[in-house]
PDB file of N, CA and C in Angstrom:
ATOM      1  N   MET A   1     -23.275  21.067  -3.594  1.00  0.00           N
ATOM      2  CA  MET A   1     -23.368  20.738  -4.765  1.00  0.00           C
ATOM      3  C   MET A   1     -22.346  18.856  -3.682  1.00  0.00           C
ATOM      4  N   LEU A   2     -22.737  18.196  -4.541  1.00  0.00           N
ATOM      5  CA  LEU A   2     -21.998  16.815  -4.263  1.00  0.00           C
ATOM      6  C   LEU A   2     -20.543  16.584  -4.353  1.00  0.00           C
ATOM      7  N   ALA A   3     -19.943  16.277  -3.706  1.00  0.00           N
ATOM      8  CA  ALA A   3     -18.636  15.440  -3.847  1.00  0.00           C
ATOM      9  C   ALA A   3     -18.498  14.270  -4.643  1.00  0.00           C
ATOM     10  N   SER A   4     -17.082  14.906  -5.586  1.00  0.00           N
ATOM     11  CA  SER A   4     -17.370  13.263  -6.421  1.00  0.00           C
ATOM     12  C   SER A   4     -16.601  12.090  -5.782  1.00  0.00           C
ATOM     13  N   ARG A   5     -15.994  10.697  -5.971  1.00  0.00           N
ATOM     14  CA  ARG A   5     -16.020  10.232  -4.747  1.00  0.00           C
ATOM     15  C   ARG A   5     -14.282   9.651  -5.084  1.00  0.00           C
ATOM     16  N   TRP A   6     -14.584  10.478  -6.359  1.00  0.00           N
ATOM     17  CA  TRP A   6     -12.323  10.628  -6.070  1.00  0.00           C
ATOM     18  C   TRP A   6     -12.351  11.800  -5.110  1.00  0.00           C
ATOM     19  N   ASP A   7     -13.358  12.857  -5.109  1.00  0.00           N
ATOM     20  CA  ASP A   7     -12.915  13.715  -3.758  1.00  0.00           C
ATOM     21  C   ASP A   7     -12.799  12.889  -2.438  1.00  0.00           C
ATOM     22  N   ALA A   8     -13.849  12.553  -2.369  1.00  0.00           N
ATOM     23  CA  ALA A   8     -14.350  11.682  -0.983  1.00  0.00           C
ATOM     24  C   ALA A   8     -12.742  10.851  -0.544  1.00  0.00           C
ATOM     25  N   GLY A   9     -12.236   9.587  -2.342  1.00  0.00           N
ATOM     26  CA  GLY A   9     -11.645   8.805  -1.715  1.00  0.00           C
ATOM     27  C   GLY A   9     -10.379   9.586  -1.379  1.00  0.00           C
ATOM     28  N   TRP A  10      -9.396  10.908  -2.159  1.00  0.00           N
ATOM     29  CA  TRP A  10      -8.439  11.469  -1.699  1.00  0.00           C
ATOM     30  C   TRP A  10      -8.562  11.947  -0.178  1.00  0.00           C
ATOM     31  N   ASP A  11      -9.747  12.161   0.416  1.00  0.00           N
ATOM     32  CA  ASP A  11      -9.884  12.770   1.927  1.00  0.00           C
ATOM     33  C   ASP A  11      -9.523  11.891   2.524  1.00  0.00           C
ATOM     34  N   LEU A  12     -10.104  10.601   2.203  1.00  0.00           N
ATOM     35  CA  LEU A  12      -9.697   9.580   3.245  1.00  0.00           C
ATOM     36  C   LEU A  12      -8.369   9.588   3.322  1.00  0.00           C
ATOM     37  N   VAL A  13      -7.638   9.323   1.658  1.00  0.00           N
ATOM     38  CA  VAL A  13      -6.197   9.188   1.758  1.00  0.00           C
ATOM     39  C   VAL A  13      -5.194  10.076   2.843  1.00  0.00           C
ATOM     40  N   HIS A  14      -5.938  11.565   2.766  1.00  0.00           N
ATOM     41  CA  HIS A  14      -5.089  12.317   3.657  1.00  0.00           C
ATOM     42  C   HIS A  14      -5.398  12.952   4.845  1.00  0.00           C
ATOM     43  N   LEU A  15      -6.828  11.968   5.103  1.00  0.00           N
ATOM     44  CA  LEU A  15      -6.766  11.343   6.903  1.00  0.00           C
ATOM     45  C   LEU A  15      -6.185  10.158   7.327  1.00  0.00           C
ATOM     46  N   VAL A  16      -6.076   8.932   6.492  1.00  0.00           N
ATOM     47  CA  VAL A  16      -5.011   8.093   6.442  1.00  0.00           C
ATOM     48  C   VAL A  16      -3.697   8.607   6.751  1.00  0.00           C
ATOM     49  N   ILE A  17      -2.614   9.245   5.982  1.00  0.00           N
ATOM     50  CA  ILE A  17      -1.391   9.851   6.086  1.00  0.00           C
ATOM     51  C   ILE A  17      -1.157  10.810   6.724  1.00  0.00           C
ATOM     52  N   GLY A  18      -2.153  11.993   7.653  1.00  0.00           N
ATOM     53  CA  GLY A  18      -2.418  12.644   8.167  1.00  0.00           C
ATOM     54  C   GLY A  18      -2.037  11.488   9.916  1.00  0.00           C
ATOM     55  N   LEU A  19      -2.682  10.538  10.285  1.00  0.00           N
ATOM     56  CA  LEU A  19      -3.043   9.873  11.400  1.00  0.00           C
ATOM     57  C   LEU A  19      -1.558   9.206  11.431  1.00  0.00           C
ATOM     58  N   VAL A  20      -1.706   8.707  10.245  1.00  0.00           N
ATOM     59  CA  VAL A  20      -0.318   7.906  10.294  1.00  0.00           C
ATOM     60  C   VAL A  20       1.284   8.760  10.923  1.00  0.00           C
ATOM     61  N   ARG A  21       0.994   9.534  10.386  1.00  0.00           N
ATOM     62  CA  ARG A  21       2.020  11.168  10.841  1.00  0.00           C
ATOM     63  C   ARG A  21       1.706  11.207  12.010  1.00  0.00           C
ATOM     64  N   ILE A  22       0.894  11.370  12.023  1.00  0.00           N
ATOM     65  CA  ILE A  22       0.938  11.643  13.882  1.00  0.00           C
ATOM     66  C   ILE A  22       1.641  10.791  14.656  1.00  0.00           C
ATOM     67  N   GLY A  23       1.305   9.501  14.519  1.00  0.00           N
ATOM     68  CA  GLY A  23       1.423   8.180  15.194  1.00  0.00           C
ATOM     69  C   GLY A  23       2.755   7.510  14.925  1.00  0.00           C
ATOM     70  N   ILE A  24       3.571   7.836  13.888  1.00  0.00           N
ATOM     71  CA  ILE A  24       5.216   7.922  14.245  1.00  0.00           C
ATOM     72  C   ILE A  24       5.666   9.208  14.632  1.00  0.00           C
ATOM     73  N   GLY A  25       4.831  10.469  14.332  1.00  0.00           N
ATOM     74  CA  GLY A  25       5.644  11.466  14.655  1.00  0.00           C
ATOM     75  C   GLY A  25       5.477  11.421  16.207  1.00  0.00           C
ATOM     76  N   SER A  26       4.929  10.746  16.739  1.00  0.00           N
ATOM     77  CA  SER A  26       4.826  10.861  17.874  1.00  0.00           C
ATOM     78  C   SER A  26       5.844   9.600  19.205  1.00  0.00           C
ATOM     79  N   LEU A  27       6.446   8.852  18.177  1.00  0.00           N
ATOM     80  CA  LEU A  27       7.141   7.704  18.885  1.00  0.00           C
ATOM     81  C   LEU A  27       8.494   8.179  18.687  1.00  0.00           C
ATOM     82  N   PRO A  28       9.478   7.946  19.694  1.00  0.00           N
ATOM     83  CA  PRO A  28      11.034   8.047  20.063  1.00  0.00           C
ATOM     84  C   PRO A  28      11.417   7.681  18.739  1.00  0.00           C
ATOM     85  N   ALA A  29      12.681   8.096  18.353  1.00  0.00           N
ATOM     86  CA  ALA A  29      13.575   8.156  16.920  1.00  0.00           C
ATOM     87  C   ALA A  29      14.281   6.970  17.459  1.00  0.00           C
ATOM     88  N   VAL A  30      14.199   6.696  17.832  1.00  0.00           N
ATOM     89  CA  VAL A  30      15.090   5.385  18.683  1.00  0.00           C
ATOM     90  C   VAL A  30      13.552   3.645  17.969  1.00  0.00           C
ATOM     91  N   VAL A  31      12.073   4.314  17.825  1.00  0.00           N
ATOM     92  CA  VAL A  31      11.260   3.087  17.384  1.00  0.00           C
ATOM     93  C   VAL A  31      11.149   3.771  16.004  1.00  0.00           C
ATOM     94  N   ARG A  32      10.972   5.152  15.699  1.00  0.00           N
ATOM     95  CA  ARG A  32      10.434   4.997  15.217  1.00  0.00           C
ATOM     96  C   ARG A  32      11.529   4.550  13.328  1.00  0.00           C
ATOM     97  N   TYR A  33      12.456   4.981  13.595  1.00  0.00           N
ATOM     98  CA  TYR A  33      13.399   4.692  12.495  1.00  0.00           C
ATOM     99  C   TYR A  33      13.096   3.399  11.447  1.00  0.00           C
ATOM    100  N   PRO A  34      13.369   2.124  12.931  1.00  0.00           N
ATOM    101  CA  PRO A  34      12.628   1.033  12.375  1.00  0.00           C
ATOM    102  C   PRO A  34      11.592   0.590  12.064  1.00  0.00           C
ATOM    103  N   VAL A  35      10.828   1.365  12.605  1.00  0.00           N
ATOM    104  CA  VAL A  35       9.265   0.747  11.961  1.00  0.00           C
ATOM    105  C   VAL A  35       8.985   1.638  10.960  1.00  0.00           C
ATOM    106  N   LEU A  36       9.549   2.988  10.272  1.00  0.00           N
ATOM    107  CA  LEU A  36       9.821   3.219   9.325  1.00  0.00           C
ATOM    108  C   LEU A  36      10.528   2.439   8.176  1.00  0.00           C
ATOM    109  N   ALA A  37      11.573   1.766   8.567  1.00  0.00           N
ATOM    110  CA  ALA A  37      12.812   1.092   8.037  1.00  0.00           C
ATOM    111  C   ALA A  37      11.827  -0.189   7.474  1.00  0.00           C
ATOM    112  N   LEU A  38      10.949  -1.039   8.429  1.00  0.00           N
ATOM    113  CA  LEU A  38      10.298  -1.943   8.245  1.00  0.00           C
ATOM    114  C   LEU A  38       9.008  -1.973   7.116  1.00  0.00           C
ATOM    115  N   GLY A  39       8.293  -0.853   7.464  1.00  0.00           N
ATOM    116  CA  GLY A  39       7.327  -0.393   6.721  1.00  0.00           C
ATOM    117  C   GLY A  39       7.661  -0.074   5.147  1.00  0.00           C
ATOM    118  N   GLY A  40       8.546   0.616   4.909  1.00  0.00           N
ATOM    119  CA  GLY A  40       9.321   0.675   3.927  1.00  0.00           C
ATOM    120  C   GLY A  40       9.891  -0.730   2.984  1.00  0.00           C
ATOM    121  N   ALA A  41      10.766  -1.281   3.712  1.00  0.00           N
ATOM    122  CA  ALA A  41      10.650  -3.079   3.630  1.00  0.00           C
ATOM    123  C   ALA A  41       9.379  -4.350   3.110  1.00  0.00           C
ATOM    124  N   PHE A  42       8.510  -3.818   3.786  1.00  0.00           N
ATOM    125  CA  PHE A  42       7.626  -4.651   3.407  1.00  0.00           C
ATOM    126  C   PHE A  42       6.392  -4.092   2.286  1.00  0.00           C
ATOM    127  N   LEU A  43       6.425  -2.762   2.110  1.00  0.00           N
ATOM    128  CA  LEU A  43       6.183  -1.973   0.631  1.00  0.00           C
ATOM    129  C   LEU A  43       6.760  -2.197  -0.271  1.00  0.00           C
ATOM    130  N   LEU A  44       8.464  -2.560  -0.149  1.00  0.00           N
ATOM    131  CA  LEU A  44       9.128  -2.998  -1.552  1.00  0.00           C
ATOM    132  C   LEU A  44       8.918  -4.335  -1.843  1.00  0.00           C
ATOM    133  N   TYR A  45       8.633  -4.876  -0.420  1.00  0.00           N
ATOM    134  CA  TYR A  45       8.204  -6.817  -1.124  1.00  0.00           C
ATOM    135  C   TYR A  45       7.236  -6.562  -1.755  1.00  0.00           C
ATOM    136  N   CYS A  46       5.906  -6.053  -1.689  1.00  0.00           N
ATOM    137  CA  CYS A  46       4.868  -5.982  -1.959  1.00  0.00           C
ATOM    138  C   CYS A  46       4.754  -5.574  -3.410  1.00  0.00           C
ATOM    139  N   VAL A  47       5.576  -4.766  -3.409  1.00  0.00           N
ATOM    140  CA  VAL A  47       5.951  -4.296  -5.121  1.00  0.00           C
ATOM    141  C   VAL A  47       6.293  -5.098  -6.224  1.00  0.00           C
ATOM    142  N   VAL A  48       7.337  -5.507  -5.308  1.00  0.00           N
ATOM    143  CA  VAL A  48       8.084  -6.797  -6.379  1.00  0.00           C
ATOM    144  C   VAL A  48       7.626  -7.684  -6.178  1.00  0.00           C
ATOM    145  N   THR A  49       6.682  -8.505  -5.757  1.00  0.00           N
ATOM    146  CA  THR A  49       6.051  -9.388  -5.092  1.00  0.00           C
ATOM    147  C   THR A  49       5.173  -9.294  -6.373  1.00  0.00           C
ATOM    148  N   ARG A  50       4.708  -8.377  -6.777  1.00  0.00           N
ATOM    149  CA  ARG A  50       3.425  -7.979  -7.393  1.00  0.00           C
ATOM    150  C   ARG A  50       3.419  -7.903  -8.979  1.00  0.00           C
ATOM    151  N   TRP A  51       4.879  -7.057  -8.780  1.00  0.00           N
ATOM    152  CA  TRP A  51       5.788  -6.565 -10.430  1.00  0.00           C
ATOM    153  C   TRP A  51       5.795  -8.365 -10.681  1.00  0.00           C
ATOM    154  N   ARG A  52       6.570  -9.082 -10.395  1.00  0.00           N
ATOM    155  CA  ARG A  52       6.823 -10.908 -10.377  1.00  0.00           C
ATOM    156  C   ARG A  52       6.074 -11.452 -11.144  1.00  0.00           C
ATOM    157  N   ALA A  53       4.809 -11.232 -10.149  1.00  0.00           N
ATOM    158  CA  ALA A  53       3.471 -12.236 -10.332  1.00  0.00           C
ATOM    159  C   ALA A  53       3.169 -11.485 -11.504  1.00  0.00           C
ATOM    160  N   ARG A  54       2.940 -11.193 -12.345  1.00  0.00           N
ATOM    161  CA  ARG A  54       2.442 -10.002 -13.017  1.00  0.00           C
ATOM    162  C   ARG A  54       3.141 -10.540 -14.887  1.00  0.00           C
ATOM    163  N   ARG A  55       4.381 -10.190 -14.464  1.00  0.00           N
ATOM    164  CA  ARG A  55       4.975 -10.478 -15.576  1.00  0.00           C
ATOM    165  C   ARG A  55       5.557 -11.947 -15.533  1.00  0.00           C
ATOM    166  N   SER A  56       5.326 -13.424 -14.817  1.00  0.00           N
ATOM    167  CA  SER A  56       5.491 -14.682 -15.717  1.00  0.00           C
ATOM    168  C   SER A  56       4.590 -14.858 -14.917  1.00  0.00           C
ATOM    169  N   PRO A  57       3.272 -15.340 -15.894  1.00  0.00           N
ATOM    170  CA  PRO A  57       1.905 -15.972 -15.252  1.00  0.00           C
ATOM    171  C   PRO A  57       2.335 -17.351 -14.699  1.00  0.00           C
ATOM    172  N   ALA A  58       1.652 -17.823 -14.100  1.00  0.00           N
ATOM    173  CA  ALA A  58       2.056 -19.125 -13.368  1.00  0.00           C
ATOM    174  C   ALA A  58       1.524 -20.243 -14.368  1.00  0.00           C
ATOM    175  N   ASP A  59       2.545 -21.098 -14.262  1.00  0.00           N
ATOM    176  CA  ASP A  59       1.666 -22.320 -14.388  1.00  0.00           C
ATOM    177  C   ASP A  59       0.934 -23.202 -14.378  1.00  0.00           C
ATOM    178  N   GLY A  60      -0.578 -23.539 -15.630  1.00  0.00           N
ATOM    179  CA  GLY A  60      -1.567 -23.947 -15.279  1.00  0.00           C
ATOM    180  C   GLY A  60      -2.870 -22.974 -14.946  1.00  0.00           C
ATOM    181  N   LEU A  61      -2.325 -21.680 -14.739  1.00  0.00           N
ATOM    182  CA  LEU A  61      -3.370 -20.528 -14.716  1.00  0.00           C
ATOM    183  C   LEU A  61      -3.502 -20.075 -16.042  1.00  0.00           C
ATOM    184  N   ALA A  62      -3.118 -19.644 -16.772  1.00  0.00           N
ATOM    185  CA  ALA A  62      -3.516 -19.579 -17.889  1.00  0.00           C
ATOM    186  C   ALA A  62      -4.771 -19.936 -18.205  1.00  0.00           C
ATOM    187  N   GLU A  63      -4.798 -21.637 -18.322  1.00  0.00           N
ATOM    188  CA  GLU A  63      -6.322 -22.352 -19.012  1.00  0.00           C
ATOM    189  C   GLU A  63      -7.328 -21.973 -18.387  1.00  0.00           C
ATOM    190  N   THR A  64      -7.450 -21.532 -16.869  1.00  0.00           N
ATOM    191  CA  THR A  64      -8.367 -22.289 -15.898  1.00  0.00           C
ATOM    192  C   THR A  64      -8.752 -20.856 -15.109  1.00  0.00           C
ATOM    193  N   ARG A  65      -8.184 -19.287 -15.952  1.00  0.00           N
ATOM    194  CA  ARG A  65      -8.734 -17.972 -15.760  1.00  0.00           C
ATOM    195  C   ARG A  65      -9.766 -17.356 -16.309  1.00  0.00           C
ATOM    196  N   LEU A  66     -10.688 -16.970 -15.670  1.00  0.00           N
ATOM    197  CA  LEU A  66     -11.743 -16.202 -16.302  1.00  0.00           C
ATOM    198  C   LEU A  66     -12.021 -14.939 -16.109  1.00  0.00           C
ATOM    199  N   ASP A  67     -11.842 -14.538 -17.667  1.00  0.00           N
ATOM    200  CA  ASP A  67     -12.267 -13.144 -17.360  1.00  0.00           C
ATOM    201  C   ASP A  67     -13.522 -12.799 -17.405  1.00  0.00           C
ATOM    202  N   THR A  68     -14.244 -11.613 -16.590  1.00  0.00           N
ATOM    203  CA  THR A  68     -15.493 -11.829 -16.915  1.00  0.00           C
ATOM    204  C   THR A  68     -15.247  -9.753 -16.567  1.00  0.00           C
TER     205      THR A  68
END
């Protein structure tokens, strides 16, 4: 039986999470916590930026947007 594409996607997500945990876990605590803090700050920045962009469309883009 073939796996669905969702199963393959979840397997890929689990692989990436496992590799990140191994990579982060092997760092000393002095390096690990700042790396985690920077990664969390970057993730928060991306979420807030995307949220703000979706909430207030830029001026002039509404007329030129192509919906396909």
